[in-house]
């Protein structure tokens, strides 16, 4: 995926922390699960209630030269890019957060 802009619904209540309603996958810009060889380059992720990009149980993810702004998650965890568990042979380079 290259050169696209993804915009979330934001935080309608203007809270400083994420209010999880139990379906956090739908609040990420991109949710990567059980995938291989993914490239996300020169994209913009803004205004998501959870993460701009969330990945788990995957390998070969290349996230570079992207722009992240206004993404929130539970205070103290996540926000722009989260490699949650079992993400191997992957890289995050030259992004602006």
PDB file of N, CA and C in Angstrom:
ATOM      1  N   UNK A   1       0.847  -1.148   0.000  1.00  0.00           N
ATOM      2  CA  UNK A   1       0.000   0.000   0.000  1.00  0.00           C
ATOM      3  C   UNK A   1       0.910   1.234   0.000  1.00  0.00           C
ATOM      4  N   UNK A   2       0.625   2.147  -0.929  1.00  0.00           N
ATOM      5  CA  UNK A   2       1.460   3.347  -1.037  1.00  0.00           C
ATOM      6  C   UNK A   2       0.608   4.578  -1.332  1.00  0.00           C
ATOM      7  N   UNK A   3       1.055   5.693  -0.759  1.00  0.00           N
ATOM      8  CA  UNK A   3       0.516   7.018  -1.087  1.00  0.00           C
ATOM      9  C   UNK A   3      -0.993   7.153  -0.923  1.00  0.00           C
ATOM     10  N   UNK A   4      -1.526   6.662   0.186  1.00  0.00           N
ATOM     11  CA  UNK A   4      -2.948   6.875   0.457  1.00  0.00           C
ATOM     12  C   UNK A   4      -3.112   7.527   1.830  1.00  0.00           C
ATOM     13  N   UNK A   5      -4.272   8.083   2.068  1.00  0.00           N
ATOM     14  CA  UNK A   5      -4.583   8.704   3.347  1.00  0.00           C
ATOM     15  C   UNK A   5      -5.787   8.010   3.963  1.00  0.00           C
ATOM     16  N   UNK A   6      -5.642   7.596   5.219  1.00  0.00           N
ATOM     17  CA  UNK A   6      -6.737   6.959   5.946  1.00  0.00           C
ATOM     18  C   UNK A   6      -7.102   7.852   7.123  1.00  0.00           C
ATOM     19  N   UNK A   7      -8.400   8.136   7.271  1.00  0.00           N
ATOM     20  CA  UNK A   7      -8.866   9.025   8.334  1.00  0.00           C
ATOM     21  C   UNK A   7      -9.929   8.312   9.154  1.00  0.00           C
ATOM     22  N   UNK A   8      -9.725   8.266  10.467  1.00  0.00           N
ATOM     23  CA  UNK A   8     -10.680   7.617  11.362  1.00  0.00           C
ATOM     24  C   UNK A   8     -11.795   8.561  11.776  1.00  0.00           C
ATOM     25  N   UNK A   9     -12.682   8.039  12.600  1.00  0.00           N
ATOM     26  CA  UNK A   9     -13.817   8.819  13.095  1.00  0.00           C
ATOM     27  C   UNK A   9     -13.452   9.737  14.237  1.00  0.00           C
ATOM     28  N   UNK A  10     -12.243   9.583  14.763  1.00  0.00           N
ATOM     29  CA  UNK A  10     -11.797  10.439  15.851  1.00  0.00           C
ATOM     30  C   UNK A  10     -12.415  10.069  17.179  1.00  0.00           C
ATOM     31  N   UNK A  11     -12.297  10.992  18.086  1.00  0.00           N
ATOM     32  CA  UNK A  11     -12.783  10.804  19.436  1.00  0.00           C
ATOM     33  C   UNK A  11     -13.960  11.740  19.653  1.00  0.00           C
ATOM     34  N   UNK A  12     -15.186  11.288  19.388  1.00  0.00           N
ATOM     35  CA  UNK A  12     -16.340  12.182  19.432  1.00  0.00           C
ATOM     36  C   UNK A  12     -16.572  12.825  20.791  1.00  0.00           C
ATOM     37  N   UNK A  13     -16.116  12.172  21.872  1.00  0.00           N
ATOM     38  CA  UNK A  13     -16.309  12.728  23.213  1.00  0.00           C
ATOM     39  C   UNK A  13     -15.157  13.614  23.656  1.00  0.00           C
ATOM     40  N   UNK A  14     -14.116  13.703  22.821  1.00  0.00           N
ATOM     41  CA  UNK A  14     -12.934  14.523  23.099  1.00  0.00           C
ATOM     42  C   UNK A  14     -12.188  14.096  24.360  1.00  0.00           C
ATOM     43  N   UNK A  15     -12.291  12.804  24.743  1.00  0.00           N
ATOM     44  CA  UNK A  15     -11.537  12.305  25.877  1.00  0.00           C
ATOM     45  C   UNK A  15     -10.080  12.147  25.496  1.00  0.00           C
ATOM     46  N   UNK A  16      -9.192  12.228  26.461  1.00  0.00           N
ATOM     47  CA  UNK A  16      -7.779  12.061  26.217  1.00  0.00           C
ATOM     48  C   UNK A  16      -7.346  10.609  26.187  1.00  0.00           C
ATOM     49  N   UNK A  17      -8.251   9.696  26.542  1.00  0.00           N
ATOM     50  CA  UNK A  17      -7.930   8.274  26.494  1.00  0.00           C
ATOM     51  C   UNK A  17      -8.989   7.535  25.703  1.00  0.00           C
ATOM     52  N   UNK A  18      -8.634   6.380  25.230  1.00  0.00           N
ATOM     53  CA  UNK A  18      -9.521   5.556  24.403  1.00  0.00           C
ATOM     54  C   UNK A  18     -10.596   4.898  25.261  1.00  0.00           C
ATOM     55  N   UNK A  19     -11.816   4.898  24.809  1.00  0.00           N
ATOM     56  CA  UNK A  19     -12.921   4.227  25.482  1.00  0.00           C
ATOM     57  C   UNK A  19     -13.258   2.973  24.677  1.00  0.00           C
ATOM     58  N   UNK A  20     -12.668   1.847  25.041  1.00  0.00           N
ATOM     59  CA  UNK A  20     -12.823   0.605  24.288  1.00  0.00           C
ATOM     60  C   UNK A  20     -14.221   0.024  24.485  1.00  0.00           C
ATOM     61  N   UNK A  21     -14.929  -0.176  23.389  1.00  0.00           N
ATOM     62  CA  UNK A  21     -16.261  -0.762  23.437  1.00  0.00           C
ATOM     63  C   UNK A  21     -16.211  -2.239  23.080  1.00  0.00           C
ATOM     64  N   UNK A  22     -15.031  -2.841  23.078  1.00  0.00           N
ATOM     65  CA  UNK A  22     -14.911  -4.265  22.835  1.00  0.00           C
ATOM     66  C   UNK A  22     -14.642  -4.656  21.394  1.00  0.00           C
ATOM     67  N   UNK A  23     -14.561  -3.713  20.482  1.00  0.00           N
ATOM     68  CA  UNK A  23     -14.334  -4.022  19.073  1.00  0.00           C
ATOM     69  C   UNK A  23     -13.183  -3.167  18.545  1.00  0.00           C
ATOM     70  N   UNK A  24     -12.034  -3.261  19.205  1.00  0.00           N
ATOM     71  CA  UNK A  24     -10.922  -2.370  18.877  1.00  0.00           C
ATOM     72  C   UNK A  24     -10.386  -2.568  17.474  1.00  0.00           C
ATOM     73  N   UNK A  25     -10.578  -3.734  16.845  1.00  0.00           N
ATOM     74  CA  UNK A  25     -10.071  -3.944  15.496  1.00  0.00           C
ATOM     75  C   UNK A  25     -10.666  -2.933  14.525  1.00  0.00           C
ATOM     76  N   UNK A  26     -11.894  -2.537  14.738  1.00  0.00           N
ATOM     77  CA  UNK A  26     -12.549  -1.596  13.839  1.00  0.00           C
ATOM     78  C   UNK A  26     -12.150  -0.155  14.101  1.00  0.00           C
ATOM     79  N   UNK A  27     -11.315   0.070  15.099  1.00  0.00           N
ATOM     80  CA  UNK A  27     -10.873   1.420  15.408  1.00  0.00           C
ATOM     81  C   UNK A  27      -9.422   1.657  15.008  1.00  0.00           C
ATOM     82  N   UNK A  28      -8.785   0.674  14.364  1.00  0.00           N
ATOM     83  CA  UNK A  28      -7.436   0.832  13.831  1.00  0.00           C
ATOM     84  C   UNK A  28      -7.525   1.276  12.381  1.00  0.00           C
ATOM     85  N   UNK A  29      -6.505   2.022  11.922  1.00  0.00           N
ATOM     86  CA  UNK A  29      -6.450   2.348  10.501  1.00  0.00           C
ATOM     87  C   UNK A  29      -6.278   1.086   9.680  1.00  0.00           C
ATOM     88  N   UNK A  30      -5.267   0.289  10.031  1.00  0.00           N
ATOM     89  CA  UNK A  30      -5.023  -1.007   9.396  1.00  0.00           C
ATOM     90  C   UNK A  30      -4.772  -2.018  10.502  1.00  0.00           C
ATOM     91  N   UNK A  31      -5.436  -3.141  10.422  1.00  0.00           N
ATOM     92  CA  UNK A  31      -5.278  -4.229  11.389  1.00  0.00           C
ATOM     93  C   UNK A  31      -4.697  -5.414  10.624  1.00  0.00           C
ATOM     94  N   UNK A  32      -3.427  -5.737  10.884  1.00  0.00           N
ATOM     95  CA  UNK A  32      -2.739  -6.825  10.184  1.00  0.00           C
ATOM     96  C   UNK A  32      -2.689  -8.033  11.105  1.00  0.00           C
ATOM     97  N   UNK A  33      -3.222  -9.158  10.633  1.00  0.00           N
ATOM     98  CA  UNK A  33      -3.250 -10.371  11.436  1.00  0.00           C
ATOM     99  C   UNK A  33      -2.996 -11.578  10.533  1.00  0.00           C
ATOM    100  N   UNK A  34      -2.041 -12.421  10.934  1.00  0.00           N
ATOM    101  CA  UNK A  34      -1.703 -13.641  10.174  1.00  0.00           C
ATOM    102  C   UNK A  34      -1.336 -13.313   8.728  1.00  0.00           C
ATOM    103  N   UNK A  35      -0.442 -12.347   8.539  1.00  0.00           N
ATOM    104  CA  UNK A  35      -0.077 -11.908   7.188  1.00  0.00           C
ATOM    105  C   UNK A  35       1.440 -11.975   7.000  1.00  0.00           C
ATOM    106  N   UNK A  36       1.851 -11.945   5.733  1.00  0.00           N
ATOM    107  CA  UNK A  36       3.276 -11.929   5.384  1.00  0.00           C
ATOM    108  C   UNK A  36       3.527 -10.925   4.272  1.00  0.00           C
ATOM    109  N   UNK A  37       4.732 -10.335   4.308  1.00  0.00           N
ATOM    110  CA  UNK A  37       5.242  -9.467   3.251  1.00  0.00           C
ATOM    111  C   UNK A  37       4.295  -8.312   2.911  1.00  0.00           C
ATOM    112  N   UNK A  38       4.080  -7.460   3.898  1.00  0.00           N
ATOM    113  CA  UNK A  38       3.226  -6.288   3.757  1.00  0.00           C
ATOM    114  C   UNK A  38       4.103  -5.042   3.707  1.00  0.00           C
ATOM    115  N   UNK A  39       3.867  -4.169   2.739  1.00  0.00           N
ATOM    116  CA  UNK A  39       4.563  -2.880   2.664  1.00  0.00           C
ATOM    117  C   UNK A  39       3.537  -1.762   2.788  1.00  0.00           C
ATOM    118  N   UNK A  40       3.815  -0.830   3.700  1.00  0.00           N
ATOM    119  CA  UNK A  40       2.977   0.358   3.864  1.00  0.00           C
ATOM    120  C   UNK A  40       3.934   1.541   3.808  1.00  0.00           C
ATOM    121  N   UNK A  41       3.871   2.305   2.710  1.00  0.00           N
ATOM    122  CA  UNK A  41       4.881   3.327   2.424  1.00  0.00           C
ATOM    123  C   UNK A  41       4.211   4.635   2.004  1.00  0.00           C
ATOM    124  N   UNK A  42       4.678   5.738   2.567  1.00  0.00           N
ATOM    125  CA  UNK A  42       4.230   7.105   2.246  1.00  0.00           C
ATOM    126  C   UNK A  42       2.708   7.276   2.367  1.00  0.00           C
ATOM    127  N   UNK A  43       2.148   6.762   3.455  1.00  0.00           N
ATOM    128  CA  UNK A  43       0.707   6.915   3.707  1.00  0.00           C
ATOM    129  C   UNK A  43       0.503   7.826   4.911  1.00  0.00           C
ATOM    130  N   UNK A  44      -0.716   8.300   5.064  1.00  0.00           N
ATOM    131  CA  UNK A  44      -1.066   9.150   6.204  1.00  0.00           C
ATOM    132  C   UNK A  44      -2.187   8.479   6.987  1.00  0.00           C
ATOM    133  N   UNK A  45      -2.012   8.399   8.309  1.00  0.00           N
ATOM    134  CA  UNK A  45      -2.989   7.808   9.213  1.00  0.00           C
ATOM    135  C   UNK A  45      -3.361   8.860  10.241  1.00  0.00           C
ATOM    136  N   UNK A  46      -4.620   9.242  10.283  1.00  0.00           N
ATOM    137  CA  UNK A  46      -5.016  10.272  11.236  1.00  0.00           C
ATOM    138  C   UNK A  46      -6.378   9.989  11.848  1.00  0.00           C
ATOM    139  N   UNK A  47      -6.480  10.380  13.120  1.00  0.00           N
ATOM    140  CA  UNK A  47      -7.764  10.448  13.806  1.00  0.00           C
ATOM    141  C   UNK A  47      -8.393   9.084  14.116  1.00  0.00           C
ATOM    142  N   UNK A  48      -7.575   8.044  14.339  1.00  0.00           N
ATOM    143  CA  UNK A  48      -8.119   6.741  14.712  1.00  0.00           C
ATOM    144  C   UNK A  48      -8.200   6.624  16.229  1.00  0.00           C
ATOM    145  N   UNK A  49      -9.266   5.985  16.710  1.00  0.00           N
ATOM    146  CA  UNK A  49      -9.445   5.809  18.157  1.00  0.00           C
ATOM    147  C   UNK A  49      -8.417   4.853  18.756  1.00  0.00           C
ATOM    148  N   UNK A  50      -7.907   3.928  17.964  1.00  0.00           N
ATOM    149  CA  UNK A  50      -6.897   3.005  18.470  1.00  0.00           C
ATOM    150  C   UNK A  50      -5.558   3.313  17.792  1.00  0.00           C
ATOM    151  N   UNK A  51      -5.046   2.411  16.992  1.00  0.00           N
ATOM    152  CA  UNK A  51      -3.733   2.566  16.361  1.00  0.00           C
ATOM    153  C   UNK A  51      -3.865   2.938  14.887  1.00  0.00           C
ATOM    154  N   UNK A  52      -2.877   3.644  14.369  1.00  0.00           N
ATOM    155  CA  UNK A  52      -2.819   3.843  12.934  1.00  0.00           C
ATOM    156  C   UNK A  52      -2.623   2.497  12.248  1.00  0.00           C
ATOM    157  N   UNK A  53      -1.644   1.720  12.750  1.00  0.00           N
ATOM    158  CA  UNK A  53      -1.379   0.369  12.243  1.00  0.00           C
ATOM    159  C   UNK A  53      -1.198  -0.554  13.445  1.00  0.00           C
ATOM    160  N   UNK A  54      -1.872  -1.675  13.419  1.00  0.00           N
ATOM    161  CA  UNK A  54      -1.764  -2.695  14.456  1.00  0.00           C
ATOM    162  C   UNK A  54      -1.422  -4.008  13.762  1.00  0.00           C
ATOM    163  N   UNK A  55      -0.429  -4.734  14.281  1.00  0.00           N
ATOM    164  CA  UNK A  55      -0.050  -6.015  13.675  1.00  0.00           C
ATOM    165  C   UNK A  55       0.161  -7.069  14.751  1.00  0.00           C
ATOM    166  N   UNK A  56      -0.216  -8.298  14.412  1.00  0.00           N
ATOM    167  CA  UNK A  56       0.013  -9.435  15.300  1.00  0.00           C
ATOM    168  C   UNK A  56       0.129 -10.703  14.459  1.00  0.00           C
ATOM    169  N   UNK A  57       0.930 -11.630  14.960  1.00  0.00           N
ATOM    170  CA  UNK A  57       1.095 -12.942  14.339  1.00  0.00           C
ATOM    171  C   UNK A  57       1.394 -12.835  12.842  1.00  0.00           C
ATOM    172  N   UNK A  58       2.374 -12.010  12.513  1.00  0.00           N
ATOM    173  CA  UNK A  58       2.713 -11.745  11.112  1.00  0.00           C
ATOM    174  C   UNK A  58       4.221 -11.637  10.940  1.00  0.00           C
ATOM    175  N   UNK A  59       4.658 -11.608   9.674  1.00  0.00           N
ATOM    176  CA  UNK A  59       6.092 -11.455   9.410  1.00  0.00           C
ATOM    177  C   UNK A  59       6.310 -10.674   8.124  1.00  0.00           C
ATOM    178  N   UNK A  60       7.492 -10.038   8.048  1.00  0.00           N
ATOM    179  CA  UNK A  60       7.862  -9.317   6.839  1.00  0.00           C
ATOM    180  C   UNK A  60       7.064  -8.042   6.603  1.00  0.00           C
ATOM    181  N   UNK A  61       6.785  -7.292   7.669  1.00  0.00           N
ATOM    182  CA  UNK A  61       6.038  -6.046   7.538  1.00  0.00           C
ATOM    183  C   UNK A  61       7.032  -4.889   7.446  1.00  0.00           C
ATOM    184  N   UNK A  62       6.884  -4.066   6.425  1.00  0.00           N
ATOM    185  CA  UNK A  62       7.751  -2.909   6.185  1.00  0.00           C
ATOM    186  C   UNK A  62       6.883  -1.652   6.267  1.00  0.00           C
ATOM    187  N   UNK A  63       7.096  -0.868   7.324  1.00  0.00           N
ATOM    188  CA  UNK A  63       6.337   0.364   7.532  1.00  0.00           C
ATOM    189  C   UNK A  63       7.332   1.513   7.476  1.00  0.00           C
ATOM    190  N   UNK A  64       7.252   2.326   6.390  1.00  0.00           N
ATOM    191  CA  UNK A  64       8.252   3.399   6.275  1.00  0.00           C
ATOM    192  C   UNK A  64       7.715   4.628   5.545  1.00  0.00           C
ATOM    193  N   UNK A  65       8.299   5.763   5.947  1.00  0.00           N
ATOM    194  CA  UNK A  65       7.999   7.066   5.351  1.00  0.00           C
ATOM    195  C   UNK A  65       6.515   7.426   5.434  1.00  0.00           C
ATOM    196  N   UNK A  66       5.870   7.037   6.531  1.00  0.00           N
ATOM    197  CA  UNK A  66       4.461   7.366   6.737  1.00  0.00           C
ATOM    198  C   UNK A  66       4.331   8.532   7.703  1.00  0.00           C
ATOM    199  N   UNK A  67       3.125   9.077   7.780  1.00  0.00           N
ATOM    200  CA  UNK A  67       2.820  10.191   8.672  1.00  0.00           C
ATOM    201  C   UNK A  67       1.641   9.792   9.551  1.00  0.00           C
ATOM    202  N   UNK A  68       1.813   9.902  10.872  1.00  0.00           N
ATOM    203  CA  UNK A  68       0.773   9.542  11.835  1.00  0.00           C
ATOM    204  C   UNK A  68       0.447  10.755  12.693  1.00  0.00           C
ATOM    205  N   UNK A  69      -0.844  11.080  12.799  1.00  0.00           N
ATOM    206  CA  UNK A  69      -1.242  12.216  13.630  1.00  0.00           C
ATOM    207  C   UNK A  69      -2.621  11.962  14.237  1.00  0.00           C
ATOM    208  N   UNK A  70      -2.764  12.254  15.522  1.00  0.00           N
ATOM    209  CA  UNK A  70      -4.056  12.201  16.197  1.00  0.00           C
ATOM    210  C   UNK A  70      -4.622  10.825  16.457  1.00  0.00           C
ATOM    211  N   UNK A  71      -3.786   9.784  16.466  1.00  0.00           N
ATOM    212  CA  UNK A  71      -4.261   8.433  16.767  1.00  0.00           C
ATOM    213  C   UNK A  71      -4.129   8.193  18.272  1.00  0.00           C
ATOM    214  N   UNK A  72      -5.153   7.647  18.884  1.00  0.00           N
ATOM    215  CA  UNK A  72      -5.183   7.451  20.333  1.00  0.00           C
ATOM    216  C   UNK A  72      -5.380   5.987  20.662  1.00  0.00           C
ATOM    217  N   UNK A  73      -4.977   5.600  21.835  1.00  0.00           N
ATOM    218  CA  UNK A  73      -5.362   4.312  22.374  1.00  0.00           C
ATOM    219  C   UNK A  73      -5.343   4.458  23.872  1.00  0.00           C
ATOM    220  N   UNK A  74      -5.515   3.370  24.580  1.00  0.00           N
ATOM    221  CA  UNK A  74      -5.514   3.427  26.032  1.00  0.00           C
ATOM    222  C   UNK A  74      -4.271   4.175  26.501  1.00  0.00           C
ATOM    223  N   UNK A  75      -4.427   5.072  27.428  1.00  0.00           N
ATOM    224  CA  UNK A  75      -3.324   5.882  27.934  1.00  0.00           C
ATOM    225  C   UNK A  75      -2.124   4.995  28.255  1.00  0.00           C
ATOM    226  N   UNK A  76      -0.994   5.302  27.643  1.00  0.00           N
ATOM    227  CA  UNK A  76       0.242   4.594  27.929  1.00  0.00           C
ATOM    228  C   UNK A  76       0.529   3.392  27.043  1.00  0.00           C
ATOM    229  N   UNK A  77      -0.340   3.105  26.077  1.00  0.00           N
ATOM    230  CA  UNK A  77      -0.034   1.987  25.179  1.00  0.00           C
ATOM    231  C   UNK A  77      -0.547   2.263  23.776  1.00  0.00           C
ATOM    232  N   UNK A  78       0.254   1.921  22.800  1.00  0.00           N
ATOM    233  CA  UNK A  78      -0.157   2.049  21.401  1.00  0.00           C
ATOM    234  C   UNK A  78      -0.303   3.485  20.959  1.00  0.00           C
ATOM    235  N   UNK A  79      -0.931   3.672  19.841  1.00  0.00           N
ATOM    236  CA  UNK A  79      -1.173   4.998  19.306  1.00  0.00           C
ATOM    237  C   UNK A  79      -0.937   5.067  17.823  1.00  0.00           C
ATOM    238  N   UNK A  80       0.291   4.971  17.389  1.00  0.00           N
ATOM    239  CA  UNK A  80       0.567   5.099  15.966  1.00  0.00           C
ATOM    240  C   UNK A  80       0.833   3.748  15.310  1.00  0.00           C
ATOM    241  N   UNK A  81       1.841   3.036  15.775  1.00  0.00           N
ATOM    242  CA  UNK A  81       2.124   1.695  15.244  1.00  0.00           C
ATOM    243  C   UNK A  81       2.324   0.758  16.434  1.00  0.00           C
ATOM    244  N   UNK A  82       1.610  -0.350  16.434  1.00  0.00           N
ATOM    245  CA  UNK A  82       1.770  -1.338  17.494  1.00  0.00           C
ATOM    246  C   UNK A  82       2.021  -2.708  16.878  1.00  0.00           C
ATOM    247  N   UNK A  83       3.182  -3.293  17.196  1.00  0.00           N
ATOM    248  CA  UNK A  83       3.444  -4.694  16.892  1.00  0.00           C
ATOM    249  C   UNK A  83       3.117  -5.430  18.191  1.00  0.00           C
ATOM    250  N   UNK A  84       1.952  -6.032  18.266  1.00  0.00           N
ATOM    251  CA  UNK A  84       1.446  -6.550  19.527  1.00  0.00           C
ATOM    252  C   UNK A  84       2.123  -7.849  19.951  1.00  0.00           C
ATOM    253  N   UNK A  85       2.044  -8.881  19.165  1.00  0.00           N
ATOM    254  CA  UNK A  85       2.710 -10.135  19.517  1.00  0.00           C
ATOM    255  C   UNK A  85       3.067 -10.908  18.256  1.00  0.00           C
ATOM    256  N   UNK A  86       4.149 -11.655  18.358  1.00  0.00           N
ATOM    257  CA  UNK A  86       4.558 -12.579  17.309  1.00  0.00           C
ATOM    258  C   UNK A  86       4.697 -11.916  15.932  1.00  0.00           C
ATOM    259  N   UNK A  87       5.369 -10.769  15.897  1.00  0.00           N
ATOM    260  CA  UNK A  87       5.652 -10.093  14.629  1.00  0.00           C
ATOM    261  C   UNK A  87       7.157 -10.202  14.409  1.00  0.00           C
ATOM    262  N   UNK A  88       7.556 -10.882  13.327  1.00  0.00           N
ATOM    263  CA  UNK A  88       8.961 -11.185  13.086  1.00  0.00           C
ATOM    264  C   UNK A  88       9.439 -10.633  11.750  1.00  0.00           C
ATOM    265  N   UNK A  89      10.764 -10.432  11.652  1.00  0.00           N
ATOM    266  CA  UNK A  89      11.408  -9.993  10.411  1.00  0.00           C
ATOM    267  C   UNK A  89      10.718  -8.766   9.820  1.00  0.00           C
ATOM    268  N   UNK A  90      10.431  -7.794  10.656  1.00  0.00           N
ATOM    269  CA  UNK A  90       9.696  -6.606  10.230  1.00  0.00           C
ATOM    270  C   UNK A  90      10.446  -5.361  10.630  1.00  0.00           C
ATOM    271  N   UNK A  91      10.093  -4.217   9.980  1.00  0.00           N
ATOM    272  CA  UNK A  91      10.811  -2.979  10.289  1.00  0.00           C
ATOM    273  C   UNK A  91       9.891  -1.767  10.210  1.00  0.00           C
ATOM    274  N   UNK A  92      10.201  -0.803  11.052  1.00  0.00           N
ATOM    275  CA  UNK A  92       9.514   0.482  11.083  1.00  0.00           C
ATOM    276  C   UNK A  92      10.607   1.537  10.913  1.00  0.00           C
ATOM    277  N   UNK A  93      10.604   2.250   9.791  1.00  0.00           N
ATOM    278  CA  UNK A  93      11.684   3.195   9.488  1.00  0.00           C
ATOM    279  C   UNK A  93      11.160   4.531   8.985  1.00  0.00           C
ATOM    280  N   UNK A  94      11.780   5.622   9.410  1.00  0.00           N
ATOM    281  CA  UNK A  94      11.593   6.966   8.852  1.00  0.00           C
ATOM    282  C   UNK A  94      10.133   7.436   8.807  1.00  0.00           C
ATOM    283  N   UNK A  95       9.382   7.136   9.864  1.00  0.00           N
ATOM    284  CA  UNK A  95       8.006   7.610   9.942  1.00  0.00           C
ATOM    285  C   UNK A  95       7.956   8.876  10.797  1.00  0.00           C
ATOM    286  N   UNK A  96       6.930   9.692  10.603  1.00  0.00           N
ATOM    287  CA  UNK A  96       6.714  10.883  11.416  1.00  0.00           C
ATOM    288  C   UNK A  96       5.479  10.649  12.258  1.00  0.00           C
ATOM    289  N   UNK A  97       5.666  10.763  13.581  1.00  0.00           N
ATOM    290  CA  UNK A  97       4.571  10.497  14.518  1.00  0.00           C
ATOM    291  C   UNK A  97       4.304  11.738  15.363  1.00  0.00           C
TER     292      UNK A  97
END
